[in-house]
């Protein structure tokens, strides 16, 4: 493998990490409040709003039901509006974030629902305001599960970013298609696969370690 190809792989790895990192940040910033709303606005929640809950849940399920490659194409006009282009790293961030947000929101929702209801009732009995219950009871108790869900989300986003690379988004997927598949270079293809496996293992290890430390507090 030439030095130019090694440099290209390094750049593609950085592009992939950048795409996934920015998209994961957006997914957390939007998905976590969305999960909190879905939990607290459900019947029996601390901010009951059944109609809004059903509408929001339907929208979340709708976006989750669309395969990423279909969403990638469907969002081309919106991506062009936001980034001014439909190719490159920044263009890939838009569909990645849109795809990851409802996925992460549902995982975070499950973790929040698993918080012992007795803790919430105890907080209410001593006069805690509802926003304090969110910050000091729900989120801290659900944090290990939320971090575990974020780990799963990031791992799935690494695979999705490679898929986005196949349609001109850059990153490791782009290198694999252009230099591995189209030029029949199995060495490049194998290198991309090994890098993707290494990234997934690294993310999973970091996520598992963080969850263990949170649970051991």
N, C-alpha and C. Protein backbone atom coordinates (compact mmCIF):
# COMPACT_ATOMS: atom_id res chain seq x y z
N UNK A 1 0.85 -1.20 0.00
CA UNK A 1 0.00 0.00 0.00
C UNK A 1 0.88 1.25 0.00
N UNK A 2 0.58 2.20 -0.87
CA UNK A 2 1.41 3.39 -1.02
C UNK A 2 1.20 4.35 0.15
N UNK A 3 2.16 5.25 0.31
CA UNK A 3 2.05 6.25 1.37
C UNK A 3 0.86 7.17 1.15
N UNK A 4 0.58 7.46 -0.13
CA UNK A 4 -0.58 8.30 -0.44
C UNK A 4 -1.88 7.65 0.03
N UNK A 5 -1.97 6.33 -0.15
CA UNK A 5 -3.18 5.64 0.29
C UNK A 5 -3.26 5.59 1.82
N UNK A 6 -2.13 5.44 2.48
CA UNK A 6 -2.12 5.45 3.95
C UNK A 6 -2.60 6.82 4.46
N UNK A 7 -2.09 7.88 3.83
CA UNK A 7 -2.53 9.22 4.21
C UNK A 7 -4.02 9.40 3.97
N UNK A 8 -4.50 8.82 2.86
CA UNK A 8 -5.92 8.93 2.54
C UNK A 8 -6.77 8.19 3.58
N UNK A 9 -6.28 7.05 4.04
CA UNK A 9 -6.99 6.30 5.06
C UNK A 9 -7.03 7.06 6.39
N UNK A 10 -5.92 7.71 6.73
CA UNK A 10 -5.89 8.52 7.95
C UNK A 10 -6.92 9.65 7.87
N UNK A 11 -6.94 10.33 6.72
CA UNK A 11 -7.89 11.43 6.55
C UNK A 11 -9.33 10.92 6.57
N UNK A 12 -9.56 9.78 5.93
CA UNK A 12 -10.91 9.21 5.92
C UNK A 12 -11.35 8.81 7.33
N UNK A 13 -10.41 8.30 8.12
CA UNK A 13 -10.73 7.92 9.50
C UNK A 13 -11.10 9.16 10.31
N UNK A 14 -10.35 10.23 10.12
CA UNK A 14 -10.66 11.48 10.81
C UNK A 14 -12.03 12.01 10.37
N UNK A 15 -12.31 11.95 9.07
CA UNK A 15 -13.60 12.41 8.57
C UNK A 15 -14.75 11.60 9.18
N UNK A 16 -14.56 10.29 9.28
CA UNK A 16 -15.59 9.44 9.86
C UNK A 16 -15.82 9.79 11.33
N UNK A 17 -14.74 9.96 12.09
CA UNK A 17 -14.86 10.33 13.50
C UNK A 17 -15.54 11.69 13.65
N UNK A 18 -15.21 12.61 12.75
CA UNK A 18 -15.81 13.94 12.80
C UNK A 18 -17.31 13.87 12.53
N UNK A 19 -17.68 13.14 11.47
CA UNK A 19 -19.10 12.98 11.13
C UNK A 19 -19.87 12.38 12.29
N UNK A 20 -19.34 11.29 12.82
CA UNK A 20 -20.04 10.58 13.88
C UNK A 20 -20.08 11.41 15.16
N UNK A 21 -18.98 12.07 15.48
CA UNK A 21 -18.92 12.87 16.70
C UNK A 21 -19.91 14.02 16.70
N UNK A 22 -19.94 14.79 15.61
CA UNK A 22 -20.88 15.91 15.53
C UNK A 22 -22.32 15.41 15.52
N UNK A 23 -22.58 14.37 14.76
CA UNK A 23 -23.94 13.83 14.69
C UNK A 23 -24.39 13.27 16.03
N UNK A 24 -23.49 12.60 16.75
CA UNK A 24 -23.83 12.05 18.07
C UNK A 24 -24.13 13.18 19.05
N UNK A 25 -23.35 14.26 18.96
CA UNK A 25 -23.62 15.41 19.83
C UNK A 25 -25.01 15.99 19.59
N UNK A 26 -25.38 16.12 18.32
CA UNK A 26 -26.72 16.62 17.97
C UNK A 26 -27.79 15.65 18.46
N UNK A 27 -27.54 14.36 18.31
CA UNK A 27 -28.51 13.35 18.74
C UNK A 27 -28.75 13.43 20.25
N UNK A 28 -27.70 13.68 21.02
CA UNK A 28 -27.85 13.80 22.47
C UNK A 28 -28.60 15.09 22.82
N UNK A 29 -28.20 16.19 22.19
CA UNK A 29 -28.82 17.48 22.51
C UNK A 29 -30.31 17.51 22.19
N UNK A 30 -30.71 16.80 21.13
CA UNK A 30 -32.12 16.77 20.74
C UNK A 30 -32.83 15.53 21.31
N UNK A 31 -32.16 14.40 21.27
CA UNK A 31 -32.80 13.14 21.65
C UNK A 31 -33.07 13.01 23.13
N UNK A 32 -32.18 13.54 23.99
CA UNK A 32 -32.39 13.41 25.43
C UNK A 32 -33.60 14.22 25.89
N UNK A 33 -33.74 15.49 25.51
CA UNK A 33 -34.97 16.21 25.87
C UNK A 33 -36.22 15.54 25.28
N UNK A 34 -36.08 14.97 24.09
CA UNK A 34 -37.21 14.27 23.48
C UNK A 34 -37.60 13.06 24.32
N UNK A 35 -36.61 12.32 24.81
CA UNK A 35 -36.88 11.16 25.65
C UNK A 35 -37.53 11.59 26.97
N UNK A 36 -37.04 12.67 27.56
CA UNK A 36 -37.63 13.18 28.78
C UNK A 36 -39.08 13.58 28.57
N UNK A 37 -39.35 14.20 27.43
CA UNK A 37 -40.73 14.59 27.13
C UNK A 37 -41.62 13.36 26.98
N UNK A 38 -41.14 12.35 26.27
CA UNK A 38 -41.94 11.15 26.05
C UNK A 38 -42.27 10.45 27.37
N UNK A 39 -41.32 10.49 28.31
CA UNK A 39 -41.55 9.83 29.60
C UNK A 39 -42.46 10.66 30.49
N UNK A 40 -42.18 11.94 30.59
CA UNK A 40 -42.92 12.77 31.55
C UNK A 40 -44.31 13.17 31.06
N UNK A 41 -44.52 13.15 29.73
CA UNK A 41 -45.83 13.55 29.21
C UNK A 41 -46.78 12.38 29.03
N UNK A 42 -46.31 11.17 29.30
CA UNK A 42 -47.18 10.00 29.18
C UNK A 42 -48.23 10.02 30.29
N UNK A 43 -49.34 9.31 30.11
CA UNK A 43 -50.34 9.24 31.18
C UNK A 43 -49.70 8.74 32.48
N UNK A 44 -49.91 9.48 33.55
CA UNK A 44 -49.31 9.13 34.83
C UNK A 44 -47.94 9.75 35.04
N UNK A 45 -47.43 10.47 34.02
CA UNK A 45 -46.14 11.13 34.15
C UNK A 45 -46.26 12.40 34.97
N UNK A 46 -45.13 13.06 35.20
CA UNK A 46 -45.15 14.25 36.05
C UNK A 46 -45.59 15.49 35.27
N UNK A 47 -45.60 15.41 33.94
CA UNK A 47 -46.15 16.48 33.08
C UNK A 47 -47.12 15.85 32.09
N UNK A 48 -48.20 15.25 32.53
CA UNK A 48 -49.06 14.50 31.61
C UNK A 48 -49.62 15.35 30.47
N UNK A 49 -49.40 14.86 29.25
CA UNK A 49 -49.95 15.51 28.05
C UNK A 49 -50.14 14.42 27.00
N UNK A 50 -51.17 13.60 27.15
CA UNK A 50 -51.34 12.40 26.31
C UNK A 50 -51.36 12.67 24.82
N UNK A 51 -52.05 13.73 24.39
CA UNK A 51 -52.13 14.00 22.95
C UNK A 51 -50.77 14.34 22.37
N UNK A 52 -50.06 15.26 23.03
CA UNK A 52 -48.74 15.64 22.56
C UNK A 52 -47.79 14.45 22.61
N UNK A 53 -47.97 13.60 23.59
CA UNK A 53 -47.13 12.40 23.71
C UNK A 53 -47.37 11.46 22.53
N UNK A 54 -48.65 11.27 22.16
CA UNK A 54 -48.95 10.37 21.04
C UNK A 54 -48.41 10.93 19.72
N UNK A 55 -48.57 12.22 19.52
CA UNK A 55 -48.09 12.83 18.28
C UNK A 55 -46.57 12.72 18.19
N UNK A 56 -45.89 13.05 19.28
CA UNK A 56 -44.43 12.99 19.29
C UNK A 56 -43.94 11.56 19.11
N UNK A 57 -44.59 10.62 19.80
CA UNK A 57 -44.20 9.21 19.66
C UNK A 57 -44.39 8.71 18.24
N UNK A 58 -45.46 9.15 17.58
CA UNK A 58 -45.70 8.74 16.20
C UNK A 58 -44.62 9.27 15.27
N UNK A 59 -44.24 10.53 15.46
CA UNK A 59 -43.18 11.12 14.63
C UNK A 59 -41.85 10.39 14.84
N UNK A 60 -41.53 10.10 16.09
CA UNK A 60 -40.29 9.38 16.40
C UNK A 60 -40.30 8.01 15.73
N UNK A 61 -41.40 7.29 15.85
CA UNK A 61 -41.50 5.97 15.24
C UNK A 61 -41.41 6.06 13.72
N UNK A 62 -42.00 7.12 13.15
CA UNK A 62 -41.95 7.29 11.70
C UNK A 62 -40.53 7.43 11.19
N UNK A 63 -39.74 8.27 11.85
CA UNK A 63 -38.35 8.45 11.42
C UNK A 63 -37.53 7.19 11.66
N UNK A 64 -37.82 6.48 12.74
CA UNK A 64 -37.08 5.25 13.02
C UNK A 64 -37.39 4.16 11.99
N UNK A 65 -38.58 4.20 11.42
CA UNK A 65 -38.98 3.15 10.48
C UNK A 65 -38.33 3.29 9.11
N UNK A 66 -37.80 4.48 8.80
CA UNK A 66 -37.22 4.71 7.48
C UNK A 66 -35.76 4.23 7.46
N UNK A 67 -35.40 3.32 6.55
CA UNK A 67 -34.01 2.88 6.46
C UNK A 67 -33.07 4.06 6.18
N UNK A 68 -31.86 3.98 6.69
CA UNK A 68 -30.95 5.12 6.60
C UNK A 68 -30.67 5.52 5.16
N UNK A 69 -30.47 4.55 4.28
CA UNK A 69 -30.13 4.88 2.91
C UNK A 69 -31.29 5.62 2.23
N UNK A 70 -32.54 5.26 2.58
CA UNK A 70 -33.71 5.97 2.04
C UNK A 70 -33.79 7.38 2.63
N UNK A 71 -33.55 7.49 3.92
CA UNK A 71 -33.56 8.80 4.58
C UNK A 71 -32.48 9.70 4.01
N UNK A 72 -31.33 9.11 3.71
CA UNK A 72 -30.21 9.86 3.15
C UNK A 72 -30.61 10.55 1.85
N UNK A 73 -31.33 9.82 1.00
CA UNK A 73 -31.77 10.37 -0.29
C UNK A 73 -32.93 11.34 -0.10
N UNK A 74 -33.88 10.98 0.76
CA UNK A 74 -35.06 11.81 0.97
C UNK A 74 -34.71 13.18 1.55
N UNK A 75 -33.64 13.24 2.32
CA UNK A 75 -33.26 14.49 2.97
C UNK A 75 -32.34 15.36 2.13
N UNK A 76 -32.09 14.98 0.88
CA UNK A 76 -31.18 15.75 0.03
C UNK A 76 -31.59 17.23 -0.07
N UNK A 77 -32.86 17.56 -0.32
CA UNK A 77 -33.22 18.99 -0.37
C UNK A 77 -32.97 19.71 0.96
N UNK A 78 -33.31 19.05 2.06
CA UNK A 78 -33.09 19.66 3.38
C UNK A 78 -31.59 19.80 3.67
N UNK A 79 -30.82 18.78 3.29
CA UNK A 79 -29.37 18.83 3.48
C UNK A 79 -28.76 19.98 2.69
N UNK A 80 -29.21 20.16 1.45
CA UNK A 80 -28.71 21.27 0.63
C UNK A 80 -29.08 22.61 1.25
N UNK A 81 -30.28 22.69 1.82
CA UNK A 81 -30.73 23.93 2.45
C UNK A 81 -29.88 24.26 3.67
N UNK A 82 -29.52 23.26 4.44
CA UNK A 82 -28.78 23.48 5.68
C UNK A 82 -27.30 23.71 5.44
N UNK A 83 -26.70 22.89 4.58
CA UNK A 83 -25.24 22.92 4.41
C UNK A 83 -24.80 23.57 3.11
N UNK A 84 -25.72 23.74 2.15
CA UNK A 84 -25.36 24.31 0.85
C UNK A 84 -24.76 23.31 -0.10
N UNK A 85 -24.71 22.04 0.29
CA UNK A 85 -24.15 20.99 -0.57
C UNK A 85 -24.79 19.66 -0.21
N UNK A 86 -24.65 18.69 -1.11
CA UNK A 86 -25.16 17.35 -0.83
C UNK A 86 -24.06 16.31 -0.83
N UNK A 87 -22.81 16.75 -0.91
CA UNK A 87 -21.68 15.82 -0.84
C UNK A 87 -20.70 16.33 0.21
N UNK A 88 -19.87 15.44 0.68
CA UNK A 88 -18.88 15.83 1.66
C UNK A 88 -19.30 15.51 3.09
N UNK A 89 -18.40 15.80 4.01
CA UNK A 89 -18.59 15.44 5.42
C UNK A 89 -19.78 16.15 6.03
N UNK A 90 -19.88 17.46 5.82
CA UNK A 90 -20.96 18.22 6.44
C UNK A 90 -22.33 17.79 5.91
N UNK A 91 -22.38 17.42 4.66
CA UNK A 91 -23.65 16.94 4.10
C UNK A 91 -24.09 15.62 4.72
N UNK A 92 -23.13 14.82 5.16
CA UNK A 92 -23.47 13.54 5.79
C UNK A 92 -23.96 13.72 7.22
N UNK A 93 -23.54 14.80 7.86
CA UNK A 93 -23.92 15.01 9.26
C UNK A 93 -25.43 15.17 9.41
N UNK A 94 -26.06 15.84 8.44
CA UNK A 94 -27.51 16.09 8.55
C UNK A 94 -28.31 14.79 8.60
N UNK A 95 -28.21 13.90 7.62
CA UNK A 95 -28.99 12.65 7.71
C UNK A 95 -28.55 11.76 8.86
N UNK A 96 -27.26 11.77 9.20
CA UNK A 96 -26.80 10.97 10.34
C UNK A 96 -27.48 11.43 11.62
N UNK A 97 -27.53 12.74 11.82
CA UNK A 97 -28.14 13.28 13.03
C UNK A 97 -29.64 13.02 13.06
N UNK A 98 -30.30 13.19 11.91
CA UNK A 98 -31.75 12.96 11.84
C UNK A 98 -32.07 11.49 12.09
N UNK A 99 -31.23 10.61 11.61
CA UNK A 99 -31.45 9.18 11.81
C UNK A 99 -31.16 8.75 13.25
N UNK A 100 -30.10 9.30 13.83
CA UNK A 100 -29.66 8.87 15.16
C UNK A 100 -30.53 9.43 16.27
N UNK A 101 -31.10 10.62 16.08
CA UNK A 101 -31.84 11.28 17.16
C UNK A 101 -33.04 10.46 17.65
N UNK A 102 -33.96 10.02 16.79
CA UNK A 102 -35.08 9.21 17.30
C UNK A 102 -34.64 7.86 17.84
N UNK A 103 -33.58 7.29 17.27
CA UNK A 103 -33.06 6.02 17.75
C UNK A 103 -32.56 6.17 19.19
N UNK A 104 -31.75 7.21 19.42
CA UNK A 104 -31.23 7.45 20.76
C UNK A 104 -32.35 7.84 21.72
N UNK A 105 -33.31 8.62 21.23
CA UNK A 105 -34.41 9.06 22.10
C UNK A 105 -35.18 7.86 22.65
N UNK A 106 -35.44 6.88 21.82
CA UNK A 106 -36.18 5.70 22.29
C UNK A 106 -35.36 4.89 23.29
N UNK A 107 -34.05 4.76 23.05
CA UNK A 107 -33.21 4.02 24.00
C UNK A 107 -33.15 4.75 25.33
N UNK A 108 -32.97 6.08 25.28
CA UNK A 108 -32.94 6.87 26.51
C UNK A 108 -34.29 6.80 27.23
N UNK A 109 -35.38 6.77 26.46
CA UNK A 109 -36.71 6.68 27.06
C UNK A 109 -36.85 5.39 27.87
N UNK A 110 -36.35 4.29 27.33
CA UNK A 110 -36.42 3.02 28.05
C UNK A 110 -35.66 3.12 29.37
N UNK A 111 -34.47 3.72 29.34
CA UNK A 111 -33.68 3.87 30.57
C UNK A 111 -34.39 4.75 31.58
N UNK A 112 -35.01 5.81 31.13
CA UNK A 112 -35.73 6.71 32.04
C UNK A 112 -36.96 6.03 32.64
N UNK A 113 -37.63 5.20 31.86
CA UNK A 113 -38.82 4.50 32.37
C UNK A 113 -38.45 3.45 33.41
N UNK A 114 -37.21 2.98 33.39
CA UNK A 114 -36.79 1.95 34.34
C UNK A 114 -36.42 2.51 35.70
N UNK A 115 -36.41 3.84 35.84
CA UNK A 115 -36.13 4.44 37.14
C UNK A 115 -37.26 4.08 38.10
N UNK A 116 -36.90 3.66 39.30
CA UNK A 116 -37.87 3.23 40.30
C UNK A 116 -38.88 4.34 40.59
N UNK A 117 -40.16 4.03 40.39
CA UNK A 117 -41.20 5.02 40.64
C UNK A 117 -41.25 5.47 42.09
N UNK A 118 -40.77 4.61 42.99
CA UNK A 118 -40.76 4.98 44.40
C UNK A 118 -39.86 6.18 44.68
N UNK A 119 -38.77 6.29 43.90
CA UNK A 119 -37.88 7.43 44.08
C UNK A 119 -38.57 8.73 43.69
N UNK A 120 -39.35 8.66 42.60
CA UNK A 120 -40.07 9.86 42.16
C UNK A 120 -41.14 10.23 43.18
N UNK A 121 -41.86 9.23 43.69
CA UNK A 121 -42.89 9.50 44.69
C UNK A 121 -42.28 10.07 45.96
N UNK A 122 -41.10 9.56 46.35
CA UNK A 122 -40.44 10.08 47.55
C UNK A 122 -40.03 11.53 47.36
N UNK A 123 -39.53 11.84 46.15
CA UNK A 123 -39.14 13.23 45.87
C UNK A 123 -40.35 14.14 45.88
N UNK A 124 -41.48 13.66 45.35
CA UNK A 124 -42.71 14.47 45.36
C UNK A 124 -43.23 14.67 46.77
N UNK A 125 -43.07 13.65 47.62
CA UNK A 125 -43.61 13.73 48.98
C UNK A 125 -42.86 14.74 49.85
N UNK A 126 -41.60 15.00 49.50
CA UNK A 126 -40.85 15.98 50.29
C UNK A 126 -40.88 17.37 49.65
N UNK A 127 -41.73 17.51 48.63
CA UNK A 127 -41.96 18.83 48.06
C UNK A 127 -41.05 19.24 46.93
N UNK A 128 -40.36 18.29 46.29
CA UNK A 128 -39.49 18.63 45.17
C UNK A 128 -40.33 19.11 43.99
N UNK A 129 -39.87 20.14 43.34
CA UNK A 129 -40.54 20.61 42.13
C UNK A 129 -40.27 19.63 41.00
N UNK A 130 -41.16 19.67 40.01
CA UNK A 130 -41.05 18.69 38.93
C UNK A 130 -39.74 18.81 38.15
N UNK A 131 -39.29 20.04 37.94
CA UNK A 131 -38.02 20.19 37.22
C UNK A 131 -36.84 19.66 38.04
N UNK A 132 -36.95 19.75 39.37
CA UNK A 132 -35.89 19.20 40.22
C UNK A 132 -35.89 17.67 40.16
N UNK A 133 -37.08 17.09 40.03
CA UNK A 133 -37.17 15.63 39.88
C UNK A 133 -36.46 15.19 38.60
N UNK A 134 -36.64 15.96 37.53
CA UNK A 134 -35.97 15.64 36.27
C UNK A 134 -34.46 15.65 36.43
N UNK A 135 -33.96 16.70 37.05
CA UNK A 135 -32.50 16.92 37.12
C UNK A 135 -31.84 16.06 38.18
N UNK A 136 -32.50 15.90 39.32
CA UNK A 136 -31.85 15.25 40.46
C UNK A 136 -32.29 13.81 40.72
N UNK A 137 -33.33 13.35 40.03
CA UNK A 137 -33.78 11.97 40.23
C UNK A 137 -33.73 11.18 38.92
N UNK A 138 -34.52 11.60 37.93
CA UNK A 138 -34.63 10.84 36.70
C UNK A 138 -33.29 10.69 35.97
N UNK A 139 -32.66 11.82 35.67
CA UNK A 139 -31.42 11.76 34.88
C UNK A 139 -30.28 11.04 35.60
N UNK A 140 -29.98 11.34 36.87
CA UNK A 140 -28.89 10.62 37.53
C UNK A 140 -29.13 9.12 37.62
N UNK A 141 -30.36 8.72 37.93
CA UNK A 141 -30.65 7.30 38.07
C UNK A 141 -30.59 6.57 36.73
N UNK A 142 -30.96 7.26 35.66
CA UNK A 142 -30.98 6.62 34.33
C UNK A 142 -29.67 6.78 33.58
N UNK A 143 -28.72 7.53 34.14
CA UNK A 143 -27.50 7.86 33.40
C UNK A 143 -26.72 6.66 32.88
N UNK A 144 -26.50 5.60 33.68
CA UNK A 144 -25.78 4.44 33.12
C UNK A 144 -26.46 3.86 31.88
N UNK A 145 -27.79 3.73 31.94
CA UNK A 145 -28.51 3.20 30.78
C UNK A 145 -28.45 4.14 29.60
N UNK A 146 -28.49 5.44 29.86
CA UNK A 146 -28.40 6.42 28.78
C UNK A 146 -27.04 6.35 28.10
N UNK A 147 -25.98 6.24 28.89
CA UNK A 147 -24.64 6.12 28.32
C UNK A 147 -24.51 4.83 27.51
N UNK A 148 -25.07 3.74 28.04
CA UNK A 148 -25.07 2.49 27.28
C UNK A 148 -25.82 2.63 25.97
N UNK A 149 -26.95 3.34 26.01
CA UNK A 149 -27.72 3.57 24.78
C UNK A 149 -26.96 4.45 23.80
N UNK A 150 -26.25 5.43 24.31
CA UNK A 150 -25.44 6.28 23.43
C UNK A 150 -24.34 5.48 22.76
N UNK A 151 -23.77 4.54 23.50
CA UNK A 151 -22.73 3.68 22.92
C UNK A 151 -23.29 2.89 21.74
N UNK A 152 -24.47 2.29 21.94
CA UNK A 152 -25.11 1.55 20.85
C UNK A 152 -25.39 2.46 19.66
N UNK A 153 -25.84 3.67 19.96
CA UNK A 153 -26.16 4.63 18.90
C UNK A 153 -24.92 4.98 18.09
N UNK A 154 -23.82 5.26 18.78
CA UNK A 154 -22.58 5.65 18.08
C UNK A 154 -22.06 4.50 17.22
N UNK A 155 -22.14 3.28 17.74
CA UNK A 155 -21.70 2.12 16.96
C UNK A 155 -22.52 1.99 15.68
N UNK A 156 -23.83 2.17 15.79
CA UNK A 156 -24.68 2.09 14.59
C UNK A 156 -24.38 3.25 13.64
N UNK A 157 -24.02 4.40 14.18
CA UNK A 157 -23.70 5.56 13.34
C UNK A 157 -22.40 5.36 12.57
N UNK A 158 -21.46 4.63 13.13
CA UNK A 158 -20.22 4.34 12.41
C UNK A 158 -20.53 3.55 11.14
N UNK A 159 -21.40 2.55 11.27
CA UNK A 159 -21.82 1.79 10.09
C UNK A 159 -22.59 2.65 9.11
N UNK A 160 -23.46 3.52 9.63
CA UNK A 160 -24.24 4.39 8.75
C UNK A 160 -23.34 5.40 8.03
N UNK A 161 -22.30 5.88 8.70
CA UNK A 161 -21.38 6.83 8.06
C UNK A 161 -20.64 6.18 6.90
N UNK A 162 -20.32 4.90 7.05
CA UNK A 162 -19.68 4.18 5.94
C UNK A 162 -20.66 4.05 4.77
N UNK A 163 -21.94 3.83 5.07
CA UNK A 163 -22.96 3.75 4.03
C UNK A 163 -23.10 5.10 3.33
N UNK A 164 -23.05 6.19 4.12
CA UNK A 164 -23.15 7.53 3.53
C UNK A 164 -21.97 7.81 2.62
N UNK A 165 -20.81 7.27 2.97
CA UNK A 165 -19.63 7.45 2.12
C UNK A 165 -19.81 6.87 0.74
N UNK A 166 -20.67 5.88 0.63
CA UNK A 166 -20.90 5.26 -0.68
C UNK A 166 -21.62 6.18 -1.65
N UNK A 167 -22.24 7.25 -1.14
CA UNK A 167 -22.93 8.19 -2.02
C UNK A 167 -22.28 9.57 -1.98
N UNK A 168 -20.98 9.58 -1.73
CA UNK A 168 -20.22 10.82 -1.84
C UNK A 168 -20.07 11.63 -0.58
N UNK A 169 -20.31 11.02 0.59
CA UNK A 169 -20.22 11.78 1.84
C UNK A 169 -18.81 11.83 2.39
N UNK A 170 -17.89 11.10 1.82
CA UNK A 170 -16.54 11.07 2.34
C UNK A 170 -16.38 10.04 3.43
N UNK A 171 -15.21 10.02 4.06
CA UNK A 171 -14.96 9.07 5.13
C UNK A 171 -14.52 7.71 4.62
N UNK A 172 -14.55 6.74 5.51
CA UNK A 172 -14.04 5.41 5.18
C UNK A 172 -14.90 4.71 4.14
N UNK A 173 -16.20 4.95 4.15
CA UNK A 173 -17.06 4.33 3.14
C UNK A 173 -16.71 4.77 1.74
N UNK A 174 -16.38 6.03 1.60
CA UNK A 174 -15.99 6.56 0.29
C UNK A 174 -14.70 5.92 -0.20
N UNK A 175 -13.73 5.77 0.69
CA UNK A 175 -12.46 5.12 0.32
C UNK A 175 -12.70 3.67 -0.06
N UNK A 176 -13.54 2.99 0.72
CA UNK A 176 -13.81 1.58 0.43
C UNK A 176 -14.45 1.39 -0.94
N UNK A 177 -15.38 2.27 -1.31
CA UNK A 177 -16.06 2.15 -2.59
C UNK A 177 -15.14 2.55 -3.74
N UNK A 178 -14.53 3.72 -3.63
CA UNK A 178 -13.76 4.26 -4.75
C UNK A 178 -12.44 3.54 -4.98
N UNK A 179 -11.76 3.20 -3.91
CA UNK A 179 -10.42 2.62 -4.06
C UNK A 179 -10.38 1.12 -3.79
N UNK A 180 -11.34 0.63 -3.02
CA UNK A 180 -11.37 -0.80 -2.75
C UNK A 180 -12.22 -1.57 -3.73
N UNK A 181 -13.51 -1.16 -3.84
CA UNK A 181 -14.44 -1.90 -4.68
C UNK A 181 -14.27 -1.60 -6.16
N UNK A 182 -14.27 -0.31 -6.54
CA UNK A 182 -14.23 0.05 -7.95
C UNK A 182 -12.88 -0.27 -8.59
N UNK A 183 -11.81 -0.27 -7.82
CA UNK A 183 -10.48 -0.58 -8.37
C UNK A 183 -10.04 -2.01 -8.02
N UNK A 184 -10.94 -2.76 -7.41
CA UNK A 184 -10.66 -4.17 -7.08
C UNK A 184 -9.40 -4.31 -6.23
N UNK A 185 -9.22 -3.40 -5.28
CA UNK A 185 -8.06 -3.43 -4.40
C UNK A 185 -8.50 -4.01 -3.05
N UNK A 186 -8.27 -5.31 -2.88
CA UNK A 186 -8.71 -5.98 -1.66
C UNK A 186 -7.92 -5.51 -0.44
N UNK A 187 -6.70 -5.02 -0.65
CA UNK A 187 -5.90 -4.53 0.47
C UNK A 187 -6.55 -3.30 1.10
N UNK A 188 -6.99 -2.39 0.25
CA UNK A 188 -7.66 -1.18 0.75
C UNK A 188 -8.97 -1.57 1.44
N UNK A 189 -9.73 -2.46 0.83
CA UNK A 189 -11.00 -2.88 1.42
C UNK A 189 -10.77 -3.51 2.79
N UNK A 190 -9.76 -4.37 2.88
CA UNK A 190 -9.45 -5.02 4.16
C UNK A 190 -9.01 -4.00 5.20
N UNK A 191 -8.24 -3.00 4.77
CA UNK A 191 -7.78 -1.96 5.69
C UNK A 191 -8.95 -1.16 6.24
N UNK A 192 -9.89 -0.83 5.37
CA UNK A 192 -11.07 -0.07 5.81
C UNK A 192 -11.88 -0.90 6.81
N UNK A 193 -12.07 -2.17 6.52
CA UNK A 193 -12.83 -3.04 7.41
C UNK A 193 -12.16 -3.13 8.78
N UNK A 194 -10.83 -3.27 8.79
CA UNK A 194 -10.12 -3.37 10.07
C UNK A 194 -10.21 -2.07 10.86
N UNK A 195 -10.15 -0.93 10.17
CA UNK A 195 -10.27 0.35 10.87
C UNK A 195 -11.66 0.50 11.47
N UNK A 196 -12.68 0.12 10.70
CA UNK A 196 -14.06 0.21 11.21
C UNK A 196 -14.25 -0.70 12.42
N UNK A 197 -13.70 -1.90 12.36
CA UNK A 197 -13.79 -2.83 13.50
C UNK A 197 -13.09 -2.23 14.72
N UNK A 198 -11.91 -1.64 14.50
CA UNK A 198 -11.16 -1.03 15.60
C UNK A 198 -11.94 0.13 16.22
N UNK A 199 -12.57 0.95 15.39
CA UNK A 199 -13.36 2.07 15.90
C UNK A 199 -14.54 1.58 16.73
N UNK A 200 -15.23 0.57 16.23
CA UNK A 200 -16.38 0.03 16.96
C UNK A 200 -15.94 -0.56 18.30
N UNK A 201 -14.85 -1.31 18.29
CA UNK A 201 -14.34 -1.92 19.53
C UNK A 201 -13.94 -0.84 20.53
N UNK A 202 -13.29 0.22 20.05
CA UNK A 202 -12.86 1.30 20.92
C UNK A 202 -14.06 2.01 21.54
N UNK A 203 -15.06 2.31 20.73
CA UNK A 203 -16.26 2.98 21.24
C UNK A 203 -16.98 2.08 22.25
N UNK A 204 -17.10 0.79 21.93
CA UNK A 204 -17.79 -0.12 22.83
C UNK A 204 -17.05 -0.26 24.15
N UNK A 205 -15.73 -0.35 24.09
CA UNK A 205 -14.93 -0.46 25.31
C UNK A 205 -15.08 0.79 26.18
N UNK A 206 -14.99 1.96 25.56
CA UNK A 206 -15.12 3.21 26.31
C UNK A 206 -16.51 3.33 26.92
N UNK A 207 -17.54 2.96 26.16
CA UNK A 207 -18.89 3.03 26.68
C UNK A 207 -19.11 2.07 27.84
N UNK A 208 -18.65 0.83 27.70
CA UNK A 208 -18.82 -0.16 28.77
C UNK A 208 -18.07 0.27 30.03
N UNK A 209 -16.87 0.82 29.86
CA UNK A 209 -16.08 1.27 31.00
C UNK A 209 -16.79 2.41 31.73
N UNK A 210 -17.35 3.34 30.97
CA UNK A 210 -18.06 4.46 31.58
C UNK A 210 -19.29 3.98 32.34
N UNK A 211 -20.03 3.04 31.76
CA UNK A 211 -21.23 2.51 32.43
C UNK A 211 -20.85 1.82 33.73
N UNK A 212 -19.79 1.02 33.71
CA UNK A 212 -19.37 0.33 34.94
C UNK A 212 -19.00 1.32 36.03
N UNK A 213 -18.30 2.38 35.66
CA UNK A 213 -17.91 3.37 36.66
C UNK A 213 -19.11 4.13 37.20
N UNK A 214 -20.07 4.41 36.35
CA UNK A 214 -21.28 5.10 36.83
C UNK A 214 -22.07 4.21 37.79
N UNK A 215 -22.15 2.93 37.51
CA UNK A 215 -22.92 2.03 38.34
C UNK A 215 -22.22 1.69 39.66
N UNK A 216 -20.89 1.88 39.71
CA UNK A 216 -20.14 1.57 40.92
C UNK A 216 -20.09 2.75 41.89
N UNK A 217 -20.69 3.87 41.52
CA UNK A 217 -20.69 5.03 42.41
C UNK A 217 -21.49 4.75 43.68
